[in-house]
């Protein structure tokens, strides 16, 4: 279960639908491990086959920073991750968006 209020989850999902509606997105880190503090960041992995453009990544990050979310959202591009980091994510994650 994702440790985030329903109100904030709606904001996150809306931003993802705006920028990456066709891609799966996973939540990982403290927000699904049950170790999050009130202002812990939200770690998201956008599951891409090819690296996202710098422009798209910047647009997503800007949308999150300008939103009403009281937390920082860290967006990871799966195709650009190291294999070691992918293994860490694969240990525990939750699907937030399935893509198409």
C-alpha atoms as a PDB file:
ATOM      1  CA  UNK A   1       0.000   0.000   0.000  1.00  0.00           C
ATOM      2  CA  UNK A   2       1.266   3.441  -0.902  1.00  0.00           C
ATOM      3  CA  UNK A   3       1.677   5.680   2.146  1.00  0.00           C
ATOM      4  CA  UNK A   4       0.145   8.807   0.638  1.00  0.00           C
ATOM      5  CA  UNK A   5      -3.184  10.553   1.199  1.00  0.00           C
ATOM      6  CA  UNK A   6      -5.885   9.981  -1.398  1.00  0.00           C
ATOM      7  CA  UNK A   7      -5.851  13.695  -2.212  1.00  0.00           C
ATOM      8  CA  UNK A   8      -2.125  13.622  -2.967  1.00  0.00           C
ATOM      9  CA  UNK A   9      -2.419  10.353  -4.875  1.00  0.00           C
ATOM     10  CA  UNK A  10      -4.984  11.980  -7.179  1.00  0.00           C
ATOM     11  CA  UNK A  11      -2.526  14.811  -7.924  1.00  0.00           C
ATOM     12  CA  UNK A  12       0.310  12.367  -8.653  1.00  0.00           C
ATOM     13  CA  UNK A  13      -1.844  10.253 -10.967  1.00  0.00           C
ATOM     14  CA  UNK A  14      -3.109  13.326 -12.839  1.00  0.00           C
ATOM     15  CA  UNK A  15       0.429  14.528 -13.534  1.00  0.00           C
ATOM     16  CA  UNK A  16       1.489  11.084 -14.727  1.00  0.00           C
ATOM     17  CA  UNK A  17      -1.550  10.875 -17.001  1.00  0.00           C
ATOM     18  CA  UNK A  18      -0.664  14.262 -18.459  1.00  0.00           C
ATOM     19  CA  UNK A  19       2.936  13.383 -19.320  1.00  0.00           C
ATOM     20  CA  UNK A  20       3.332   9.586 -19.504  1.00  0.00           C
ATOM     21  CA  UNK A  21      -0.169   8.114 -19.904  1.00  0.00           C
ATOM     22  CA  UNK A  22       1.025   5.087 -21.894  1.00  0.00           C
ATOM     23  CA  UNK A  23       3.872   4.066 -19.599  1.00  0.00           C
ATOM     24  CA  UNK A  24       3.831   1.941 -16.457  1.00  0.00           C
ATOM     25  CA  UNK A  25       4.894   3.747 -13.284  1.00  0.00           C
ATOM     26  CA  UNK A  26       6.011   2.031 -10.101  1.00  0.00           C
ATOM     27  CA  UNK A  27       6.342   3.395  -6.575  1.00  0.00           C
ATOM     28  CA  UNK A  28       9.324   2.213  -4.559  1.00  0.00           C
ATOM     29  CA  UNK A  29      11.167   3.260  -1.427  1.00  0.00           C
ATOM     30  CA  UNK A  30       9.889   4.284   1.976  1.00  0.00           C
ATOM     31  CA  UNK A  31       6.351   5.113   0.798  1.00  0.00           C
ATOM     32  CA  UNK A  32       5.657   1.422   0.175  1.00  0.00           C
ATOM     33  CA  UNK A  33       7.985  -0.085   2.769  1.00  0.00           C
ATOM     34  CA  UNK A  34       6.058   1.482   5.639  1.00  0.00           C
ATOM     35  CA  UNK A  35       9.053   3.530   6.776  1.00  0.00           C
ATOM     36  CA  UNK A  36       8.021   6.926   5.400  1.00  0.00           C
ATOM     37  CA  UNK A  37       7.985   9.982   7.601  1.00  0.00           C
ATOM     38  CA  UNK A  38       5.448  12.784   7.106  1.00  0.00           C
ATOM     39  CA  UNK A  39       7.562  14.608   4.518  1.00  0.00           C
ATOM     40  CA  UNK A  40       9.456  11.667   3.007  1.00  0.00           C
ATOM     41  CA  UNK A  41       9.800  11.914  -0.744  1.00  0.00           C
ATOM     42  CA  UNK A  42       7.822   9.796  -3.173  1.00  0.00           C
ATOM     43  CA  UNK A  43      10.023   7.625  -5.396  1.00  0.00           C
ATOM     44  CA  UNK A  44       8.592   6.836  -8.832  1.00  0.00           C
ATOM     45  CA  UNK A  45      10.091   4.715 -11.601  1.00  0.00           C
ATOM     46  CA  UNK A  46       8.727   5.382 -15.083  1.00  0.00           C
ATOM     47  CA  UNK A  47       9.165   2.078 -16.917  1.00  0.00           C
ATOM     48  CA  UNK A  48      10.617   3.053 -20.258  1.00  0.00           C
ATOM     49  CA  UNK A  49      12.239   0.991 -22.999  1.00  0.00           C
ATOM     50  CA  UNK A  50      14.246   3.970 -24.269  1.00  0.00           C
ATOM     51  CA  UNK A  51      15.501   6.865 -22.138  1.00  0.00           C
ATOM     52  CA  UNK A  52      13.037   9.721 -21.731  1.00  0.00           C
ATOM     53  CA  UNK A  53      13.986  12.980 -23.362  1.00  0.00           C
ATOM     54  CA  UNK A  54      15.541  15.560 -21.080  1.00  0.00           C
ATOM     55  CA  UNK A  55      12.630  17.864 -21.922  1.00  0.00           C
ATOM     56  CA  UNK A  56      10.002  15.315 -20.852  1.00  0.00           C
ATOM     57  CA  UNK A  57      11.815  14.548 -17.630  1.00  0.00           C
ATOM     58  CA  UNK A  58      12.135  18.271 -16.882  1.00  0.00           C
ATOM     59  CA  UNK A  59       8.444  18.848 -17.634  1.00  0.00           C
ATOM     60  CA  UNK A  60       7.422  16.070 -15.240  1.00  0.00           C
ATOM     61  CA  UNK A  61       9.695  17.341 -12.490  1.00  0.00           C
ATOM     62  CA  UNK A  62       8.420  20.898 -12.988  1.00  0.00           C
ATOM     63  CA  UNK A  63       4.792  19.742 -12.820  1.00  0.00           C
ATOM     64  CA  UNK A  64       5.435  17.977  -9.527  1.00  0.00           C
ATOM     65  CA  UNK A  65       7.347  20.908  -8.041  1.00  0.00           C
ATOM     66  CA  UNK A  66       4.593  23.362  -9.029  1.00  0.00           C
ATOM     67  CA  UNK A  67       1.798  21.113  -7.741  1.00  0.00           C
ATOM     68  CA  UNK A  68       0.156  21.359  -4.342  1.00  0.00           C
ATOM     69  CA  UNK A  69       1.985  18.261  -3.122  1.00  0.00           C
ATOM     70  CA  UNK A  70       3.637  18.837   0.268  1.00  0.00           C
ATOM     71  CA  UNK A  71       6.432  16.390  -0.604  1.00  0.00           C
ATOM     72  CA  UNK A  72       9.217  16.063  -3.160  1.00  0.00           C
ATOM     73  CA  UNK A  73       8.631  13.536  -5.954  1.00  0.00           C
ATOM     74  CA  UNK A  74      11.725  11.813  -7.321  1.00  0.00           C
ATOM     75  CA  UNK A  75      11.145  10.504 -10.865  1.00  0.00           C
ATOM     76  CA  UNK A  76      13.472   7.781 -12.122  1.00  0.00           C
ATOM     77  CA  UNK A  77      13.735   6.831 -15.794  1.00  0.00           C
ATOM     78  CA  UNK A  78      13.962   3.017 -15.856  1.00  0.00           C
ATOM     79  CA  UNK A  79      15.896   2.878 -19.132  1.00  0.00           C
ATOM     80  CA  UNK A  80      18.539   5.207 -17.688  1.00  0.00           C
ATOM     81  CA  UNK A  81      18.949   3.354 -14.366  1.00  0.00           C
ATOM     82  CA  UNK A  82      21.916   1.195 -13.565  1.00  0.00           C
ATOM     83  CA  UNK A  83      21.304  -2.537 -13.292  1.00  0.00           C
ATOM     84  CA  UNK A  84      22.176  -2.352  -9.586  1.00  0.00           C
ATOM     85  CA  UNK A  85      19.518   0.292  -8.963  1.00  0.00           C
ATOM     86  CA  UNK A  86      16.962  -1.709 -10.964  1.00  0.00           C
ATOM     87  CA  UNK A  87      17.623  -4.710  -8.709  1.00  0.00           C
ATOM     88  CA  UNK A  88      16.958  -2.551  -5.640  1.00  0.00           C
ATOM     89  CA  UNK A  89      13.663  -1.296  -7.101  1.00  0.00           C
ATOM     90  CA  UNK A  90      12.603  -4.826  -8.096  1.00  0.00           C
ATOM     91  CA  UNK A  91      12.974  -6.011  -4.498  1.00  0.00           C
ATOM     92  CA  UNK A  92       9.882  -4.052  -3.473  1.00  0.00           C
ATOM     93  CA  UNK A  93       7.625  -1.856  -5.564  1.00  0.00           C
ATOM     94  CA  UNK A  94       3.955  -1.226  -6.208  1.00  0.00           C
ATOM     95  CA  UNK A  95       2.344  -0.473  -9.555  1.00  0.00           C
ATOM     96  CA  UNK A  96       0.822   3.008  -9.572  1.00  0.00           C
ATOM     97  CA  UNK A  97      -0.021   3.186 -13.274  1.00  0.00           C
ATOM     98  CA  UNK A  98      -0.189   0.276 -15.708  1.00  0.00           C
ATOM     99  CA  UNK A  99       0.235   2.221 -18.932  1.00  0.00           C
ATOM    100  CA  UNK A 100      -1.271   0.828 -22.097  1.00  0.00           C
END
